[in-house]
Amino acid sequence: MPETKPWSARPERRIAAVLFDFDGTLVDSPIDFVRMREDLLRVTREAGLDPADVAQQDLLSIVAWATERAPEPGGFAAAAEAALMAVELECSHAAEEVRGASELLAWLDQQNIRVGIVTRNCRAVVERVLERIPLAHAVLLTRSEVTRVKPDPDHLLRALAQLGAEPAEAVMVGDHWMDVQAGRAAGMATVGILAPVRPADFFAREPPDLLIRELRELVAWISP
């Protein structure tokens, strides 16, 4: 079992903002990603495309690839989004708060540290979950609002701009190596949450500045 790593890249200034991934970081949702992939590939083939070369890429990369090649890009993009949303919405009712999430966000607010949520989920799903599980935040940027999503750093930089924070004074927290990759590319410190279901070397391709197993570990790490 990996141990928590010490901070190896502390921001140059006091932490002003923390960005969080959503699913797997602040909430756990039983999303059927196998079905999402199957439905997306079906929509891609129905558009007359052969997705064999990209079938194993992440879902939004498949959407981007197919949208560029579809005879009717707008129609395909709408059909693909509908397929993804159908599964996400179906599973949203079963989402549960990750232990310690609401307490951590409340603590950050008390410290005057601004919080943003940056997620590859769609806004409709995130808002539905947040109606049941209130999680304090100042900014929410989903795939519905941005052209380039994580791991593209633009997703994070736009959130920081809305929060009025610079990358050097901000932290990105997520449960996937793409969160770390995006945070590093944006010039932020990074924190990886290693879920119990993932192997110890999950973040080996994109090592975060800090590796934790529970959100509560961030309090001591962030405290002055």
Protein backbone atom coordinates (compact mmCIF):
# COMPACT_ATOMS: atom_id res chain seq x y z
CA MET A 1 0.00 0.00 0.00
CA PRO A 2 1.55 3.33 -1.04
CA GLU A 3 2.30 5.90 1.62
CA THR A 4 1.42 9.56 1.37
CA LYS A 5 4.18 11.45 -0.41
CA PRO A 6 5.49 14.74 0.94
CA TRP A 7 4.92 17.86 -1.11
CA SER A 8 7.62 18.05 -3.73
CA ALA A 9 6.31 21.06 -5.68
CA ARG A 10 4.63 23.47 -3.26
CA PRO A 11 3.09 26.50 -4.99
CA GLU A 12 5.30 29.55 -4.89
CA ARG A 13 2.66 31.51 -2.98
CA ARG A 14 -0.02 30.78 -0.41
CA ILE A 15 -2.70 28.50 -1.81
CA ALA A 16 -5.55 30.62 -3.15
CA ALA A 17 -7.57 27.98 -5.01
CA VAL A 18 -8.09 24.25 -5.22
CA LEU A 19 -9.64 22.57 -8.26
CA PHE A 20 -11.31 19.19 -7.86
CA ASP A 21 -12.31 16.52 -10.31
CA PHE A 22 -15.89 15.41 -9.63
CA ASP A 23 -16.67 11.73 -10.14
CA GLY A 24 -14.33 9.51 -8.17
CA THR A 25 -12.94 12.50 -6.27
CA LEU A 26 -15.89 14.27 -4.60
CA VAL A 27 -18.60 11.73 -5.40
CA ASP A 28 -18.71 8.09 -6.39
CA SER A 29 -21.12 7.20 -9.21
CA PRO A 30 -21.69 3.66 -10.52
CA ILE A 31 -21.40 4.77 -14.14
CA ASP A 32 -21.43 1.87 -16.60
CA PHE A 33 -18.45 2.90 -18.71
CA VAL A 34 -18.52 -0.35 -20.67
CA ARG A 35 -22.05 0.40 -21.82
CA MET A 36 -21.14 4.03 -22.56
CA ARG A 37 -18.29 2.89 -24.78
CA GLU A 38 -20.49 0.35 -26.57
CA ASP A 39 -23.22 2.92 -27.18
CA LEU A 40 -20.73 5.52 -28.40
CA LEU A 41 -19.09 3.08 -30.79
CA ARG A 42 -22.52 2.10 -32.09
CA VAL A 43 -23.37 5.75 -32.80
CA THR A 44 -19.98 6.15 -34.50
CA ARG A 45 -20.59 3.19 -36.78
CA GLU A 46 -24.09 4.44 -37.56
CA ALA A 47 -22.45 7.64 -38.80
CA GLY A 48 -20.57 5.54 -41.36
CA LEU A 49 -17.23 5.53 -39.54
CA ASP A 50 -15.00 2.65 -38.50
CA PRO A 51 -13.72 3.40 -34.98
CA ALA A 52 -11.43 0.37 -34.81
CA ASP A 53 -8.24 2.44 -34.53
CA VAL A 54 -9.56 4.57 -31.66
CA ALA A 55 -11.93 2.16 -29.92
CA GLN A 56 -9.69 1.91 -26.84
CA GLN A 57 -9.12 5.64 -26.41
CA ASP A 58 -11.03 7.58 -23.76
CA LEU A 59 -14.63 8.37 -24.66
CA LEU A 60 -14.28 12.07 -25.35
CA SER A 61 -11.25 11.44 -27.57
CA ILE A 62 -13.41 9.06 -29.63
CA VAL A 63 -16.08 11.76 -29.89
CA ALA A 64 -13.51 14.33 -31.06
CA TRP A 65 -12.04 11.90 -33.61
CA ALA A 66 -15.43 10.96 -35.06
CA THR A 67 -16.79 14.51 -35.09
CA GLU A 68 -13.89 15.59 -37.31
CA ARG A 69 -14.67 12.79 -39.79
CA ALA A 70 -18.45 12.48 -39.70
CA PRO A 71 -20.37 13.51 -42.86
CA GLU A 72 -22.62 15.63 -40.60
CA PRO A 73 -20.40 16.71 -37.67
CA GLY A 74 -23.15 18.56 -35.83
CA GLY A 75 -25.57 15.68 -36.02
CA PHE A 76 -22.98 13.19 -34.90
CA ALA A 77 -21.84 15.33 -31.98
CA ALA A 78 -25.44 15.65 -30.77
CA ALA A 79 -26.08 11.92 -31.09
CA ALA A 80 -22.85 11.06 -29.28
CA GLU A 81 -23.60 13.47 -26.43
CA ALA A 82 -27.11 12.03 -26.10
CA ALA A 83 -25.69 8.51 -25.86
CA LEU A 84 -23.22 9.48 -23.15
CA MET A 85 -25.75 11.53 -21.18
CA ALA A 86 -28.31 8.74 -21.20
CA VAL A 87 -26.02 6.45 -19.24
CA GLU A 88 -24.73 9.23 -16.97
CA LEU A 89 -28.22 10.40 -16.05
CA GLU A 90 -29.42 6.86 -15.44
CA CYS A 91 -26.62 6.31 -12.93
CA SER A 92 -26.69 9.73 -11.28
CA HIS A 93 -29.38 8.81 -8.74
CA ALA A 94 -27.00 6.33 -7.11
CA ALA A 95 -24.08 8.75 -6.66
CA GLU A 96 -22.73 9.02 -3.12
CA GLU A 97 -20.47 11.57 -1.48
CA VAL A 98 -16.85 10.54 -1.09
CA ARG A 99 -16.06 10.40 2.61
CA GLY A 100 -14.95 13.77 3.90
CA ALA A 101 -15.75 15.75 0.74
CA SER A 102 -18.27 18.21 2.18
CA GLU A 103 -16.19 18.72 5.33
CA LEU A 104 -13.06 19.46 3.30
CA LEU A 105 -14.82 21.96 1.05
CA ALA A 106 -16.33 23.70 4.07
CA TRP A 107 -12.88 23.90 5.66
CA LEU A 108 -11.38 25.38 2.51
CA ASP A 109 -14.10 28.02 2.49
CA GLN A 110 -13.27 28.88 6.10
CA GLN A 111 -9.64 29.36 5.03
CA ASN A 112 -10.75 31.70 2.21
CA ILE A 113 -9.43 29.22 -0.34
CA ARG A 114 -11.60 29.25 -3.44
CA VAL A 115 -12.90 25.96 -4.82
CA GLY A 116 -13.62 24.95 -8.39
CA ILE A 117 -14.94 21.71 -9.87
CA VAL A 118 -13.57 20.70 -13.28
CA THR A 119 -15.08 17.58 -14.77
CA ARG A 120 -15.47 15.69 -18.02
CA ASN A 121 -19.06 14.90 -16.98
CA CYS A 122 -21.95 16.87 -18.47
CA ARG A 123 -23.51 19.75 -16.53
CA ALA A 124 -26.98 18.19 -16.33
CA VAL A 125 -25.61 15.17 -14.48
CA VAL A 126 -23.39 17.15 -12.12
CA GLU A 127 -26.17 19.57 -11.23
CA ARG A 128 -28.57 16.70 -10.57
CA VAL A 129 -26.07 15.08 -8.21
CA LEU A 130 -25.30 18.38 -6.46
CA GLU A 131 -29.00 18.86 -5.75
CA ARG A 132 -28.82 15.76 -3.55
CA ILE A 133 -25.24 16.17 -2.35
CA PRO A 134 -24.50 19.87 -1.74
CA LEU A 135 -20.78 20.49 -2.15
CA ALA A 136 -19.57 24.06 -1.64
CA HIS A 137 -17.82 25.48 -4.71
CA ALA A 138 -17.45 28.81 -6.50
CA VAL A 139 -16.95 27.56 -10.08
CA LEU A 140 -18.16 24.54 -12.01
CA LEU A 141 -16.81 23.78 -15.49
CA THR A 142 -18.09 20.62 -17.16
CA ARG A 143 -17.56 19.34 -20.69
CA SER A 144 -20.71 21.25 -21.61
CA GLU A 145 -18.92 24.59 -21.21
CA VAL A 146 -15.47 23.97 -22.65
CA THR A 147 -14.11 22.97 -26.04
CA ARG A 148 -10.99 21.27 -24.68
CA VAL A 149 -11.43 19.09 -21.60
CA LYS A 150 -8.87 17.51 -19.29
CA PRO A 151 -6.12 16.50 -19.80
CA ASP A 152 -5.93 19.73 -21.84
CA PRO A 153 -4.84 22.42 -19.34
CA ASP A 154 -7.26 24.94 -20.87
CA HIS A 155 -10.06 23.31 -18.87
CA LEU A 156 -8.24 24.12 -15.62
CA LEU A 157 -6.93 27.52 -16.68
CA ARG A 158 -10.42 28.72 -17.50
CA ALA A 159 -11.61 27.67 -14.05
CA LEU A 160 -8.69 29.47 -12.40
CA ALA A 161 -9.43 32.61 -14.39
CA GLN A 162 -13.00 32.58 -13.12
CA LEU A 163 -11.71 32.10 -9.57
CA GLY A 164 -9.19 34.92 -9.98
CA ALA A 165 -6.25 32.67 -9.10
CA GLU A 166 -2.87 32.03 -10.70
CA PRO A 167 -1.61 28.49 -11.39
CA ALA A 168 1.37 28.98 -9.06
CA GLU A 169 -1.01 29.45 -6.13
CA ALA A 170 -3.41 26.64 -7.02
CA VAL A 171 -3.74 22.86 -6.64
CA MET A 172 -5.44 20.26 -8.83
CA VAL A 173 -6.95 17.23 -7.03
CA GLY A 174 -8.21 14.16 -8.87
CA ASP A 175 -8.43 10.39 -8.94
CA HIS A 176 -7.09 9.91 -12.48
CA TRP A 177 -3.69 10.44 -14.08
CA MET A 178 -5.38 12.78 -16.58
CA ASP A 179 -6.12 15.16 -13.68
CA VAL A 180 -2.44 15.17 -12.78
CA GLN A 181 -1.38 15.62 -16.40
CA ALA A 182 -3.72 18.57 -16.81
CA GLY A 183 -2.65 20.17 -13.54
CA ARG A 184 1.04 19.87 -14.34
CA ALA A 185 0.50 21.28 -17.84
CA ALA A 186 -1.36 24.22 -16.30
CA GLY A 187 1.52 24.93 -13.93
CA MET A 188 -0.29 23.82 -10.78
CA ALA A 189 0.67 21.57 -7.89
CA THR A 190 -1.11 18.20 -8.16
CA VAL A 191 -2.70 15.70 -5.81
CA GLY A 192 -3.69 12.17 -6.79
CA ILE A 193 -6.29 10.19 -4.85
CA LEU A 194 -5.61 6.48 -5.09
CA ALA A 195 -8.94 4.67 -5.00
CA PRO A 196 -9.00 1.27 -3.26
CA VAL A 197 -9.99 -0.46 -6.51
CA ARG A 198 -6.93 0.81 -8.37
CA PRO A 199 -3.43 -0.70 -8.41
CA ALA A 200 -0.66 0.93 -6.39
CA ASP A 201 1.11 2.03 -9.58
CA PHE A 202 -1.95 3.66 -11.19
CA PHE A 203 -0.31 7.11 -11.21
CA ALA A 204 3.08 5.82 -12.40
CA ARG A 205 2.69 7.44 -15.84
CA GLU A 206 1.84 10.83 -14.30
CA PRO A 207 3.11 10.97 -10.70
CA PRO A 208 1.38 13.68 -8.63
CA ASP A 209 3.18 15.94 -6.19
CA LEU A 210 1.19 14.27 -3.43
CA LEU A 211 -0.44 10.84 -3.36
CA ILE A 212 -3.23 10.31 -0.85
CA ARG A 213 -5.91 7.76 -0.07
CA GLU A 214 -8.47 10.03 1.63
CA LEU A 215 -9.51 13.65 1.18
CA ARG A 216 -8.96 14.45 4.85
CA GLU A 217 -5.22 14.13 4.29
CA LEU A 218 -5.35 17.42 2.39
CA VAL A 219 -6.07 19.47 5.51
CA ALA A 220 -2.65 18.93 7.07
CA TRP A 221 -1.00 19.26 3.68
CA ILE A 222 -2.62 22.60 2.88
CA SER A 223 -2.55 24.14 6.35
CA PRO A 224 0.05 26.92 6.75
